[in-house]
Amino acid sequence: MTGWAGGPAAGELSGRPCDEIAELALGSAAVVFGRDRSVIADGLRGIYLHDWSADPLARGAYSFGGVGASAARMVLAEAAGGRLFLAGEVLAPPGRAGTVHGAIASGHATMERLLSARPGSG
């Protein structure tokens, strides 16, 4: 399961300790699933938190495709010189751009293209 906070909510969470954010997330999941918080916590295998607002490379940003972005995505998806393969949420299939599941789908598709482009793979 992936949790996400954007806009003002992300700003309020940025810089807070992971344990504190995890507690808030467990409470939110309990409400969403209509379960006691302890049931959600007992089923939890682990938690990973990334503060994108504090990340010096992302600085809270993610892609947003305006008008004509589909054509640009197609260009970015082409392997440059057959050697440079890009992946990520910006290159996700239609309807998935800007999402975690889109980034994962793009990564899988790019890996398949990379493996099939290796010498001797055809």
PDB file of N, CA and C in Angstrom:
ATOM      1  N   MET A   1       0.851  -1.154   0.000  1.00  0.00           N
ATOM      2  CA  MET A   1       0.000   0.000   0.000  1.00  0.00           C
ATOM      3  C   MET A   1       0.906   1.229   0.000  1.00  0.00           C
ATOM      4  N   THR A   2       0.507   2.226  -0.729  1.00  0.00           N
ATOM      5  CA  THR A   2       1.261   3.468  -0.793  1.00  0.00           C
ATOM      6  C   THR A   2       0.405   4.600  -0.261  1.00  0.00           C
ATOM      7  N   GLY A   3       0.974   5.378   0.626  1.00  0.00           N
ATOM      8  CA  GLY A   3       0.308   6.573   1.123  1.00  0.00           C
ATOM      9  C   GLY A   3       1.012   7.794   0.570  1.00  0.00           C
ATOM     10  N   TRP A   4       0.276   8.841   0.373  1.00  0.00           N
ATOM     11  CA  TRP A   4       0.850  10.044  -0.224  1.00  0.00           C
ATOM     12  C   TRP A   4       0.158  11.262   0.354  1.00  0.00           C
ATOM     13  N   ALA A   5       0.928  12.282   0.622  1.00  0.00           N
ATOM     14  CA  ALA A   5       0.369  13.564   1.058  1.00  0.00           C
ATOM     15  C   ALA A   5       0.951  14.634   0.151  1.00  0.00           C
ATOM     16  N   GLY A   6       0.101  15.486  -0.370  1.00  0.00           N
ATOM     17  CA  GLY A   6       0.560  16.556  -1.245  1.00  0.00           C
ATOM     18  C   GLY A   6       0.057  17.904  -0.770  1.00  0.00           C
ATOM     19  N   GLY A   7       0.562  18.952  -1.379  1.00  0.00           N
ATOM     20  CA  GLY A   7       0.113  20.302  -1.069  1.00  0.00           C
ATOM     21  C   GLY A   7       0.388  20.690   0.367  1.00  0.00           C
ATOM     22  N   PRO A   8      -0.552  21.425   0.982  1.00  0.00           N
ATOM     23  CA  PRO A   8      -0.351  21.886   2.362  1.00  0.00           C
ATOM     24  C   PRO A   8      -0.125  20.742   3.353  1.00  0.00           C
ATOM     25  N   ALA A   9      -0.780  19.592   3.128  1.00  0.00           N
ATOM     26  CA  ALA A   9      -0.595  18.452   4.040  1.00  0.00           C
ATOM     27  C   ALA A   9       0.851  17.971   4.012  1.00  0.00           C
ATOM     28  N   ALA A  10       1.456  17.942   2.827  1.00  0.00           N
ATOM     29  CA  ALA A  10       2.858  17.536   2.719  1.00  0.00           C
ATOM     30  C   ALA A  10       3.751  18.532   3.447  1.00  0.00           C
ATOM     31  N   GLY A  11       3.431  19.801   3.327  1.00  0.00           N
ATOM     32  CA  GLY A  11       4.204  20.828   4.021  1.00  0.00           C
ATOM     33  C   GLY A  11       4.144  20.674   5.527  1.00  0.00           C
ATOM     34  N   GLU A  12       2.972  20.303   6.034  1.00  0.00           N
ATOM     35  CA  GLU A  12       2.819  20.109   7.478  1.00  0.00           C
ATOM     36  C   GLU A  12       3.586  18.884   7.977  1.00  0.00           C
ATOM     37  N   LEU A  13       3.737  17.873   7.122  1.00  0.00           N
ATOM     38  CA  LEU A  13       4.430  16.649   7.525  1.00  0.00           C
ATOM     39  C   LEU A  13       5.941  16.727   7.325  1.00  0.00           C
ATOM     40  N   SER A  14       6.383  17.580   6.426  1.00  0.00           N
ATOM     41  CA  SER A  14       7.806  17.666   6.106  1.00  0.00           C
ATOM     42  C   SER A  14       8.627  17.987   7.347  1.00  0.00           C
ATOM     43  N   GLY A  15       9.668  17.198   7.544  1.00  0.00           N
ATOM     44  CA  GLY A  15      10.571  17.420   8.666  1.00  0.00           C
ATOM     45  C   GLY A  15      10.146  16.754   9.961  1.00  0.00           C
ATOM     46  N   ARG A  16       8.938  16.193   9.997  1.00  0.00           N
ATOM     47  CA  ARG A  16       8.495  15.515  11.216  1.00  0.00           C
ATOM     48  C   ARG A  16       9.136  14.133  11.296  1.00  0.00           C
ATOM     49  N   PRO A  17       9.313  13.613  12.505  1.00  0.00           N
ATOM     50  CA  PRO A  17       9.940  12.293  12.660  1.00  0.00           C
ATOM     51  C   PRO A  17       9.121  11.189  11.983  1.00  0.00           C
ATOM     52  N   CYS A  18       9.815  10.205  11.445  1.00  0.00           N
ATOM     53  CA  CYS A  18       9.173   9.087  10.750  1.00  0.00           C
ATOM     54  C   CYS A  18       8.155   8.382  11.644  1.00  0.00           C
ATOM     55  N   ASP A  19       8.502   8.170  12.908  1.00  0.00           N
ATOM     56  CA  ASP A  19       7.583   7.480  13.826  1.00  0.00           C
ATOM     57  C   ASP A  19       6.264   8.235  13.964  1.00  0.00           C
ATOM     58  N   GLU A  20       6.346   9.547  14.013  1.00  0.00           N
ATOM     59  CA  GLU A  20       5.145  10.370  14.147  1.00  0.00           C
ATOM     60  C   GLU A  20       4.275  10.272  12.890  1.00  0.00           C
ATOM     61  N   ILE A  21       4.910  10.324  11.727  1.00  0.00           N
ATOM     62  CA  ILE A  21       4.166  10.217  10.468  1.00  0.00           C
ATOM     63  C   ILE A  21       3.573   8.819  10.326  1.00  0.00           C
ATOM     64  N   ALA A  22       4.315   7.800  10.749  1.00  0.00           N
ATOM     65  CA  ALA A  22       3.813   6.425  10.690  1.00  0.00           C
ATOM     66  C   ALA A  22       2.560   6.275  11.547  1.00  0.00           C
ATOM     67  N   GLU A  23       2.550   6.877  12.717  1.00  0.00           N
ATOM     68  CA  GLU A  23       1.372   6.811  13.587  1.00  0.00           C
ATOM     69  C   GLU A  23       0.168   7.486  12.927  1.00  0.00           C
ATOM     70  N   LEU A  24       0.396   8.628  12.306  1.00  0.00           N
ATOM     71  CA  LEU A  24      -0.682   9.318  11.594  1.00  0.00           C
ATOM     72  C   LEU A  24      -1.201   8.465  10.436  1.00  0.00           C
ATOM     73  N   ALA A  25      -0.276   7.823   9.715  1.00  0.00           N
ATOM     74  CA  ALA A  25      -0.662   6.980   8.585  1.00  0.00           C
ATOM     75  C   ALA A  25      -1.473   5.770   9.045  1.00  0.00           C
ATOM     76  N   LEU A  26      -1.067   5.160  10.147  1.00  0.00           N
ATOM     77  CA  LEU A  26      -1.819   4.018  10.677  1.00  0.00           C
ATOM     78  C   LEU A  26      -3.234   4.434  11.069  1.00  0.00           C
ATOM     79  N   GLY A  27      -3.347   5.582  11.691  1.00  0.00           N
ATOM     80  CA  GLY A  27      -4.672   6.083  12.063  1.00  0.00           C
ATOM     81  C   GLY A  27      -5.534   6.351  10.846  1.00  0.00           C
ATOM     82  N   SER A  28      -4.933   6.915   9.812  1.00  0.00           N
ATOM     83  CA  SER A  28      -5.661   7.193   8.577  1.00  0.00           C
ATOM     84  C   SER A  28      -6.099   5.898   7.901  1.00  0.00           C
ATOM     85  N   ALA A  29      -5.200   4.909   7.840  1.00  0.00           N
ATOM     86  CA  ALA A  29      -5.537   3.620   7.229  1.00  0.00           C
ATOM     87  C   ALA A  29      -6.655   2.932   8.003  1.00  0.00           C
ATOM     88  N   ALA A  30      -6.639   3.045   9.317  1.00  0.00           N
ATOM     89  CA  ALA A  30      -7.695   2.441  10.139  1.00  0.00           C
ATOM     90  C   ALA A  30      -9.055   3.037   9.787  1.00  0.00           C
ATOM     91  N   VAL A  31      -9.093   4.340   9.580  1.00  0.00           N
ATOM     92  CA  VAL A  31     -10.351   4.999   9.206  1.00  0.00           C
ATOM     93  C   VAL A  31     -10.788   4.558   7.814  1.00  0.00           C
ATOM     94  N   VAL A  32      -9.856   4.565   6.859  1.00  0.00           N
ATOM     95  CA  VAL A  32     -10.178   4.205   5.475  1.00  0.00           C
ATOM     96  C   VAL A  32     -10.718   2.781   5.385  1.00  0.00           C
ATOM     97  N   PHE A  33     -10.087   1.848   6.094  1.00  0.00           N
ATOM     98  CA  PHE A  33     -10.480   0.444   6.009  1.00  0.00           C
ATOM     99  C   PHE A  33     -11.505   0.032   7.061  1.00  0.00           C
ATOM    100  N   GLY A  34     -11.887   0.962   7.926  1.00  0.00           N
ATOM    101  CA  GLY A  34     -12.886   0.656   8.940  1.00  0.00           C
ATOM    102  C   GLY A  34     -12.435  -0.415   9.915  1.00  0.00           C
ATOM    103  N   ARG A  35     -11.163  -0.412  10.241  1.00  0.00           N
ATOM    104  CA  ARG A  35     -10.588  -1.399  11.161  1.00  0.00           C
ATOM    105  C   ARG A  35      -9.963  -0.691  12.346  1.00  0.00           C
ATOM    106  N   ASP A  36      -9.791  -1.438  13.409  1.00  0.00           N
ATOM    107  CA  ASP A  36      -9.087  -0.905  14.566  1.00  0.00           C
ATOM    108  C   ASP A  36      -7.627  -0.663  14.183  1.00  0.00           C
ATOM    109  N   ARG A  37      -7.052   0.392  14.714  1.00  0.00           N
ATOM    110  CA  ARG A  37      -5.679   0.744  14.405  1.00  0.00           C
ATOM    111  C   ARG A  37      -4.723  -0.412  14.692  1.00  0.00           C
ATOM    112  N   SER A  38      -4.969  -1.173  15.762  1.00  0.00           N
ATOM    113  CA  SER A  38      -4.085  -2.286  16.127  1.00  0.00           C
ATOM    114  C   SER A  38      -4.116  -3.395  15.071  1.00  0.00           C
ATOM    115  N   VAL A  39      -5.258  -3.599  14.423  1.00  0.00           N
ATOM    116  CA  VAL A  39      -5.358  -4.610  13.359  1.00  0.00           C
ATOM    117  C   VAL A  39      -4.477  -4.200  12.182  1.00  0.00           C
ATOM    118  N   ILE A  40      -4.528  -2.927  11.832  1.00  0.00           N
ATOM    119  CA  ILE A  40      -3.694  -2.417  10.740  1.00  0.00           C
ATOM    120  C   ILE A  40      -2.218  -2.553  11.123  1.00  0.00           C
ATOM    121  N   ALA A  41      -1.864  -2.158  12.330  1.00  0.00           N
ATOM    122  CA  ALA A  41      -0.470  -2.218  12.786  1.00  0.00           C
ATOM    123  C   ALA A  41       0.046  -3.655  12.812  1.00  0.00           C
ATOM    124  N   ASP A  42      -0.795  -4.598  13.242  1.00  0.00           N
ATOM    125  CA  ASP A  42      -0.374  -5.999  13.303  1.00  0.00           C
ATOM    126  C   ASP A  42      -0.099  -6.575  11.916  1.00  0.00           C
ATOM    127  N   GLY A  43      -0.786  -6.075  10.898  1.00  0.00           N
ATOM    128  CA  GLY A  43      -0.591  -6.568   9.534  1.00  0.00           C
ATOM    129  C   GLY A  43       0.527  -5.867   8.787  1.00  0.00           C
ATOM    130  N   LEU A  44       1.124  -4.878   9.405  1.00  0.00           N
ATOM    131  CA  LEU A  44       2.173  -4.086   8.757  1.00  0.00           C
ATOM    132  C   LEU A  44       3.501  -4.827   8.782  1.00  0.00           C
ATOM    133  N   ARG A  45       4.108  -4.986   7.625  1.00  0.00           N
ATOM    134  CA  ARG A  45       5.424  -5.636   7.543  1.00  0.00           C
ATOM    135  C   ARG A  45       6.555  -4.637   7.720  1.00  0.00           C
ATOM    136  N   GLY A  46       6.326  -3.421   7.326  1.00  0.00           N
ATOM    137  CA  GLY A  46       7.359  -2.404   7.422  1.00  0.00           C
ATOM    138  C   GLY A  46       6.837  -1.099   6.865  1.00  0.00           C
ATOM    139  N   ILE A  47       7.616  -0.068   7.051  1.00  0.00           N
ATOM    140  CA  ILE A  47       7.222   1.234   6.536  1.00  0.00           C
ATOM    141  C   ILE A  47       8.456   1.929   5.979  1.00  0.00           C
ATOM    142  N   TYR A  48       8.271   2.601   4.885  1.00  0.00           N
ATOM    143  CA  TYR A  48       9.336   3.404   4.297  1.00  0.00           C
ATOM    144  C   TYR A  48       8.768   4.793   4.072  1.00  0.00           C
ATOM    145  N   LEU A  49       9.499   5.776   4.474  1.00  0.00           N
ATOM    146  CA  LEU A  49       9.060   7.157   4.325  1.00  0.00           C
ATOM    147  C   LEU A  49      10.127   7.932   3.578  1.00  0.00           C
ATOM    148  N   HIS A  50       9.691   8.751   2.648  1.00  0.00           N
ATOM    149  CA  HIS A  50      10.627   9.647   1.974  1.00  0.00           C
ATOM    150  C   HIS A  50      10.029  11.043   1.983  1.00  0.00           C
ATOM    151  N   ASP A  51      10.765  11.976   2.510  1.00  0.00           N
ATOM    152  CA  ASP A  51      10.320  13.368   2.574  1.00  0.00           C
ATOM    153  C   ASP A  51      10.769  14.069   1.291  1.00  0.00           C
ATOM    154  N   TRP A  52       9.906  14.013   0.273  1.00  0.00           N
ATOM    155  CA  TRP A  52      10.254  14.586  -1.026  1.00  0.00           C
ATOM    156  C   TRP A  52      10.495  16.085  -0.944  1.00  0.00           C
ATOM    157  N   SER A  53       9.835  16.761  -0.022  1.00  0.00           N
ATOM    158  CA  SER A  53      10.041  18.204   0.123  1.00  0.00           C
ATOM    159  C   SER A  53      11.446  18.528   0.599  1.00  0.00           C
ATOM    160  N   ALA A  54      12.035  17.625   1.374  1.00  0.00           N
ATOM    161  CA  ALA A  54      13.383  17.838   1.899  1.00  0.00           C
ATOM    162  C   ALA A  54      14.455  17.228   0.997  1.00  0.00           C
ATOM    163  N   ASP A  55      14.052  16.478  -0.020  1.00  0.00           N
ATOM    164  CA  ASP A  55      15.003  15.848  -0.935  1.00  0.00           C
ATOM    165  C   ASP A  55      15.663  16.933  -1.784  1.00  0.00           C
ATOM    166  N   PRO A  56      16.994  17.065  -1.727  1.00  0.00           N
ATOM    167  CA  PRO A  56      17.660  18.156  -2.451  1.00  0.00           C
ATOM    168  C   PRO A  56      17.573  18.032  -3.971  1.00  0.00           C
ATOM    169  N   LEU A  57      17.296  16.834  -4.477  1.00  0.00           N
ATOM    170  CA  LEU A  57      17.183  16.663  -5.925  1.00  0.00           C
ATOM    171  C   LEU A  57      15.750  16.858  -6.414  1.00  0.00           C
ATOM    172  N   ALA A  58      14.778  16.366  -5.662  1.00  0.00           N
ATOM    173  CA  ALA A  58      13.378  16.496  -6.079  1.00  0.00           C
ATOM    174  C   ALA A  58      12.765  17.805  -5.589  1.00  0.00           C
ATOM    175  N   ARG A  59      13.121  18.200  -4.384  1.00  0.00           N
ATOM    176  CA  ARG A  59      12.608  19.422  -3.760  1.00  0.00           C
ATOM    177  C   ARG A  59      11.083  19.517  -3.841  1.00  0.00           C
ATOM    178  N   GLY A  60      10.427  18.368  -3.659  1.00  0.00           N
ATOM    179  CA  GLY A  60       8.969  18.341  -3.619  1.00  0.00           C
ATOM    180  C   GLY A  60       8.302  18.277  -4.972  1.00  0.00           C
ATOM    181  N   ALA A  61       9.066  18.212  -6.048  1.00  0.00           N
ATOM    182  CA  ALA A  61       8.496  18.272  -7.390  1.00  0.00           C
ATOM    183  C   ALA A  61       8.105  16.897  -7.917  1.00  0.00           C
ATOM    184  N   TYR A  62       7.174  16.892  -8.820  1.00  0.00           N
ATOM    185  CA  TYR A  62       6.846  15.721  -9.617  1.00  0.00           C
ATOM    186  C   TYR A  62       6.366  16.234 -10.962  1.00  0.00           C
ATOM    187  N   SER A  63       6.301  15.347 -11.932  1.00  0.00           N
ATOM    188  CA  SER A  63       5.983  15.814 -13.279  1.00  0.00           C
ATOM    189  C   SER A  63       4.490  16.071 -13.444  1.00  0.00           C
ATOM    190  N   PHE A  64       4.204  16.965 -14.340  1.00  0.00           N
ATOM    191  CA  PHE A  64       2.827  17.242 -14.733  1.00  0.00           C
ATOM    192  C   PHE A  64       2.857  17.518 -16.224  1.00  0.00           C
ATOM    193  N   GLY A  65       2.103  16.749 -16.966  1.00  0.00           N
ATOM    194  CA  GLY A  65       2.101  16.908 -18.414  1.00  0.00           C
ATOM    195  C   GLY A  65       1.006  17.850 -18.875  1.00  0.00           C
ATOM    196  N   GLY A  66       1.399  18.903 -19.521  1.00  0.00           N
ATOM    197  CA  GLY A  66       0.431  19.832 -20.092  1.00  0.00           C
ATOM    198  C   GLY A  66      -0.007  19.373 -21.472  1.00  0.00           C
ATOM    199  N   VAL A  67      -0.646  20.259 -22.201  1.00  0.00           N
ATOM    200  CA  VAL A  67      -1.107  19.959 -23.550  1.00  0.00           C
ATOM    201  C   VAL A  67       0.091  19.578 -24.417  1.00  0.00           C
ATOM    202  N   GLY A  68      -0.023  18.472 -25.127  1.00  0.00           N
ATOM    203  CA  GLY A  68       1.053  18.010 -26.002  1.00  0.00           C
ATOM    204  C   GLY A  68       2.098  17.154 -25.312  1.00  0.00           C
ATOM    205  N   ALA A  69       1.912  16.889 -24.038  1.00  0.00           N
ATOM    206  CA  ALA A  69       2.916  16.127 -23.287  1.00  0.00           C
ATOM    207  C   ALA A  69       3.044  14.692 -23.775  1.00  0.00           C
ATOM    208  N   SER A  70       1.978  14.133 -24.319  1.00  0.00           N
ATOM    209  CA  SER A  70       2.047  12.744 -24.785  1.00  0.00           C
ATOM    210  C   SER A  70       3.122  12.575 -25.846  1.00  0.00           C
ATOM    211  N   ALA A  71       3.221  13.528 -26.753  1.00  0.00           N
ATOM    212  CA  ALA A  71       4.238  13.452 -27.800  1.00  0.00           C
ATOM    213  C   ALA A  71       5.638  13.557 -27.196  1.00  0.00           C
ATOM    214  N   ALA A  72       5.802  14.428 -26.216  1.00  0.00           N
ATOM    215  CA  ALA A  72       7.110  14.580 -25.565  1.00  0.00           C
ATOM    216  C   ALA A  72       7.491  13.307 -24.822  1.00  0.00           C
ATOM    217  N   ARG A  73       6.518  12.664 -24.197  1.00  0.00           N
ATOM    218  CA  ARG A  73       6.799  11.406 -23.494  1.00  0.00           C
ATOM    219  C   ARG A  73       7.300  10.347 -24.464  1.00  0.00           C
ATOM    220  N   MET A  74       6.721  10.310 -25.656  1.00  0.00           N
ATOM    221  CA  MET A  74       7.142   9.323 -26.652  1.00  0.00           C
ATOM    222  C   MET A  74       8.604   9.551 -27.043  1.00  0.00           C
ATOM    223  N   VAL A  75       9.001  10.807 -27.173  1.00  0.00           N
ATOM    224  CA  VAL A  75      10.386  11.128 -27.522  1.00  0.00           C
ATOM    225  C   VAL A  75      11.319  10.710 -26.387  1.00  0.00           C
ATOM    226  N   LEU A  76      10.947  11.034 -25.147  1.00  0.00           N
ATOM    227  CA  LEU A  76      11.778  10.667 -23.999  1.00  0.00           C
ATOM    228  C   LEU A  76      11.894   9.155 -23.832  1.00  0.00           C
ATOM    229  N   ALA A  77      10.869   8.436 -24.229  1.00  0.00           N
ATOM    230  CA  ALA A  77      10.863   6.982 -24.067  1.00  0.00           C
ATOM    231  C   ALA A  77      11.784   6.275 -25.060  1.00  0.00           C
ATOM    232  N   GLU A  78      12.175   6.960 -26.136  1.00  0.00           N
ATOM    233  CA  GLU A  78      13.082   6.353 -27.113  1.00  0.00           C
ATOM    234  C   GLU A  78      14.471   6.220 -26.501  1.00  0.00           C
ATOM    235  N   ALA A  79      15.100   5.078 -26.719  1.00  0.00           N
ATOM    236  CA  ALA A  79      16.458   4.866 -26.211  1.00  0.00           C
ATOM    237  C   ALA A  79      17.421   5.728 -27.022  1.00  0.00           C
ATOM    238  N   ALA A  80      18.091   6.640 -26.369  1.00  0.00           N
ATOM    239  CA  ALA A  80      19.031   7.536 -27.048  1.00  0.00           C
ATOM    240  C   ALA A  80      20.241   6.739 -27.515  1.00  0.00           C
ATOM    241  N   GLY A  81      20.409   6.661 -28.819  1.00  0.00           N
ATOM    242  CA  GLY A  81      21.538   5.933 -29.379  1.00  0.00           C
ATOM    243  C   GLY A  81      21.529   4.456 -29.040  1.00  0.00           C
ATOM    244  N   GLY A  82      20.378   3.943 -28.627  1.00  0.00           N
ATOM    245  CA  GLY A  82      20.296   2.539 -28.247  1.00  0.00           C
ATOM    246  C   GLY A  82      21.036   2.221 -26.962  1.00  0.00           C
ATOM    247  N   ARG A  83      21.454   3.272 -26.240  1.00  0.00           N
ATOM    248  CA  ARG A  83      22.264   3.060 -25.037  1.00  0.00           C
ATOM    249  C   ARG A  83      21.678   3.665 -23.770  1.00  0.00           C
ATOM    250  N   LEU A  84      20.951   4.744 -23.906  1.00  0.00           N
ATOM    251  CA  LEU A  84      20.406   5.425 -22.728  1.00  0.00           C
ATOM    252  C   LEU A  84      18.909   5.172 -22.665  1.00  0.00           C
ATOM    253  N   PHE A  85      18.487   4.442 -21.642  1.00  0.00           N
ATOM    254  CA  PHE A  85      17.088   4.090 -21.458  1.00  0.00           C
ATOM    255  C   PHE A  85      16.565   4.821 -20.227  1.00  0.00           C
ATOM    256  N   LEU A  86      15.504   5.574 -20.397  1.00  0.00           N
ATOM    257  CA  LEU A  86      14.915   6.310 -19.282  1.00  0.00           C
ATOM    258  C   LEU A  86      13.653   5.605 -18.803  1.00  0.00           C
ATOM    259  N   ALA A  87      13.353   5.776 -17.528  1.00  0.00           N
ATOM    260  CA  ALA A  87      12.127   5.236 -16.945  1.00  0.00           C
ATOM    261  C   ALA A  87      11.671   6.195 -15.863  1.00  0.00           C
ATOM    262  N   GLY A  88      10.426   6.081 -15.482  1.00  0.00           N
ATOM    263  CA  GLY A  88       9.905   6.901 -14.398  1.00  0.00           C
ATOM    264  C   GLY A  88       8.467   7.283 -14.644  1.00  0.00           C
ATOM    265  N   GLU A  89       7.882   7.953 -13.665  1.00  0.00           N
ATOM    266  CA  GLU A  89       6.463   8.273 -13.749  1.00  0.00           C
ATOM    267  C   GLU A  89       6.120   9.171 -14.927  1.00  0.00           C
ATOM    268  N   VAL A  90       7.064   9.966 -15.385  1.00  0.00           N
ATOM    269  CA  VAL A  90       6.785  10.830 -16.537  1.00  0.00           C
ATOM    270  C   VAL A  90       6.640  10.009 -17.817  1.00  0.00           C
ATOM    271  N   LEU A  91       7.211   8.812 -17.846  1.00  0.00           N
ATOM    272  CA  LEU A  91       7.151   7.955 -19.029  1.00  0.00           C
ATOM    273  C   LEU A  91       6.140   6.823 -18.876  1.00  0.00           C
ATOM    274  N   ALA A  92       5.262   6.948 -17.919  1.00  0.00           N
ATOM    275  CA  ALA A  92       4.280   5.904 -17.652  1.00  0.00           C
ATOM    276  C   ALA A  92       3.267   5.791 -18.782  1.00  0.00           C
ATOM    277  N   PRO A  93       2.605   4.636 -18.856  1.00  0.00           N
ATOM    278  CA  PRO A  93       1.545   4.467 -19.860  1.00  0.00           C
ATOM    279  C   PRO A  93       0.445   5.519 -19.673  1.00  0.00           C
ATOM    280  N   PRO A  94      -0.328   5.785 -20.720  1.00  0.00           N
ATOM    281  CA  PRO A  94      -1.404   6.780 -20.621  1.00  0.00           C
ATOM    282  C   PRO A  94      -2.308   6.538 -19.408  1.00  0.00           C
ATOM    283  N   GLY A  95      -2.635   7.610 -18.725  1.00  0.00           N
ATOM    284  CA  GLY A  95      -3.491   7.526 -17.549  1.00  0.00           C
ATOM    285  C   GLY A  95      -2.749   7.224 -16.265  1.00  0.00           C
ATOM    286  N   ARG A  96      -1.454   6.935 -16.359  1.00  0.00           N
ATOM    287  CA  ARG A  96      -0.675   6.601 -15.164  1.00  0.00           C
ATOM    288  C   ARG A  96       0.463   7.583 -14.903  1.00  0.00           C
ATOM    289  N   ALA A  97       0.646   8.556 -15.782  1.00  0.00           N
ATOM    290  CA  ALA A  97       1.741   9.513 -15.607  1.00  0.00           C
ATOM    291  C   ALA A  97       1.578  10.258 -14.288  1.00  0.00           C
ATOM    292  N   GLY A  98       2.695  10.507 -13.630  1.00  0.00           N
ATOM    293  CA  GLY A  98       2.672  11.239 -12.372  1.00  0.00           C
ATOM    294  C   GLY A  98       2.253  10.399 -11.180  1.00  0.00           C
ATOM    295  N   THR A  99       2.247   9.065 -11.330  1.00  0.00           N
ATOM    296  CA  THR A  99       1.816   8.195 -10.235  1.00  0.00           C
ATOM    297  C   THR A  99       2.899   7.175  -9.889  1.00  0.00           C
ATOM    298  N   VAL A 100       2.827   6.640  -8.685  1.00  0.00           N
ATOM    299  CA  VAL A 100       3.776   5.609  -8.262  1.00  0.00           C
ATOM    300  C   VAL A 100       3.608   4.362  -9.125  1.00  0.00           C
ATOM    301  N   HIS A 101       2.355   3.926  -9.326  1.00  0.00           N
ATOM    302  CA  HIS A 101       2.170   2.710 -10.126  1.00  0.00           C
ATOM    303  C   HIS A 101       2.594   2.943 -11.577  1.00  0.00           C
ATOM    304  N   GLY A 102       2.516   4.179 -12.052  1.00  0.00           N
ATOM    305  CA  GLY A 102       3.017   4.495 -13.383  1.00  0.00           C
ATOM    306  C   GLY A 102       4.528   4.391 -13.455  1.00  0.00           C
ATOM    307  N   ALA A 103       5.209   4.848 -12.406  1.00  0.00           N
ATOM    308  CA  ALA A 103       6.667   4.752 -12.356  1.00  0.00           C
ATOM    309  C   ALA A 103       7.105   3.293 -12.354  1.00  0.00           C
ATOM    310  N   ILE A 104       6.400   2.470 -11.597  1.00  0.00           N
ATOM    311  CA  ILE A 104       6.736   1.044 -11.539  1.00  0.00           C
ATOM    312  C   ILE A 104       6.500   0.393 -12.898  1.00  0.00           C
ATOM    313  N   ALA A 105       5.360   0.687 -13.523  1.00  0.00           N
ATOM    314  CA  ALA A 105       5.060   0.125 -14.845  1.00  0.00           C
ATOM    315  C   ALA A 105       6.099   0.562 -15.868  1.00  0.00           C
ATOM    316  N   SER A 106       6.495   1.822 -15.820  1.00  0.00           N
ATOM    317  CA  SER A 106       7.510   2.329 -16.735  1.00  0.00           C
ATOM    318  C   SER A 106       8.843   1.630 -16.507  1.00  0.00           C
ATOM    319  N   GLY A 107       9.205   1.431 -15.253  1.00  0.00           N
ATOM    320  CA  GLY A 107      10.454   0.738 -14.939  1.00  0.00           C
ATOM    321  C   GLY A 107      10.477  -0.676 -15.475  1.00  0.00           C
ATOM    322  N   HIS A 108       9.358  -1.381 -15.325  1.00  0.00           N
ATOM    323  CA  HIS A 108       9.277  -2.758 -15.837  1.00  0.00           C
ATOM    324  C   HIS A 108       9.381  -2.772 -17.362  1.00  0.00           C
ATOM    325  N   ALA A 109       8.641  -1.877 -18.019  1.00  0.00           N
ATOM    326  CA  ALA A 109       8.664  -1.826 -19.487  1.00  0.00           C
ATOM    327  C   ALA A 109      10.058  -1.467 -19.999  1.00  0.00           C
ATOM    328  N   THR A 110      10.712  -0.529 -19.342  1.00  0.00           N
ATOM    329  CA  THR A 110      12.051  -0.121 -19.766  1.00  0.00           C
ATOM    330  C   THR A 110      13.055  -1.241 -19.547  1.00  0.00           C
ATOM    331  N   MET A 111      12.913  -1.974 -18.453  1.00  0.00           N
ATOM    332  CA  MET A 111      13.802  -3.101 -18.208  1.00  0.00           C
ATOM    333  C   MET A 111      13.657  -4.143 -19.317  1.00  0.00           C
ATOM    334  N   GLU A 112      12.424  -4.420 -19.722  1.00  0.00           N
ATOM    335  CA  GLU A 112      12.195  -5.380 -20.803  1.00  0.00           C
ATOM    336  C   GLU A 112      12.845  -4.899 -22.099  1.00  0.00           C
ATOM    337  N   ARG A 113      12.708  -3.605 -22.396  1.00  0.00           N
ATOM    338  CA  ARG A 113      13.321  -3.048 -23.607  1.00  0.00           C
ATOM    339  C   ARG A 113      14.843  -3.131 -23.528  1.00  0.00           C
ATOM    340  N   LEU A 114      15.385  -2.836 -22.360  1.00  0.00           N
ATOM    341  CA  LEU A 114      16.831  -2.886 -22.167  1.00  0.00           C
ATOM    342  C   LEU A 114      17.353  -4.309 -22.349  1.00  0.00           C
ATOM    343  N   LEU A 115      16.678  -5.270 -21.752  1.00  0.00           N
ATOM    344  CA  LEU A 115      17.120  -6.659 -21.857  1.00  0.00           C
ATOM    345  C   LEU A 115      17.022  -7.174 -23.290  1.00  0.00           C
ATOM    346  N   SER A 116      15.981  -6.766 -24.005  1.00  0.00           N
ATOM    347  CA  SER A 116      15.835  -7.234 -25.385  1.00  0.00           C
ATOM    348  C   SER A 116      16.809  -6.527 -26.330  1.00  0.00           C
ATOM    349  N   ALA A 117      17.358  -5.392 -25.912  1.00  0.00           N
ATOM    350  CA  ALA A 117      18.310  -4.656 -26.748  1.00  0.00           C
ATOM    351  C   ALA A 117      19.751  -5.123 -26.548  1.00  0.00           C
ATOM    352  N   ARG A 118      19.976  -5.966 -25.555  1.00  0.00           N
ATOM    353  CA  ARG A 118      21.337  -6.452 -25.296  1.00  0.00           C
ATOM    354  C   ARG A 118      21.834  -7.275 -26.472  1.00  0.00           C
ATOM    355  N   PRO A 119      23.108  -7.148 -26.781  1.00  0.00           N
ATOM    356  CA  PRO A 119      23.673  -7.982 -27.847  1.00  0.00           C
ATOM    357  C   PRO A 119      23.477  -9.461 -27.528  1.00  0.00           C
ATOM    358  N   GLY A 120      23.045 -10.214 -28.523  1.00  0.00           N
ATOM    359  CA  GLY A 120      22.849 -11.644 -28.354  1.00  0.00           C
ATOM    360  C   GLY A 120      21.532 -12.019 -27.713  1.00  0.00           C
ATOM    361  N   SER A 121      20.645 -11.035 -27.488  1.00  0.00           N
ATOM    362  CA  SER A 121      19.370 -11.362 -26.843  1.00  0.00           C
ATOM    363  C   SER A 121      18.273 -11.644 -27.859  1.00  0.00           C
ATOM    364  N   GLY A 122      18.524 -11.419 -29.111  1.00  0.00           N
ATOM    365  CA  GLY A 122      17.477 -11.571 -30.108  1.00  0.00           C
ATOM    366  C   GLY A 122      17.549 -12.844 -30.789  1.00  0.00           C
TER     367      GLY A 122
END
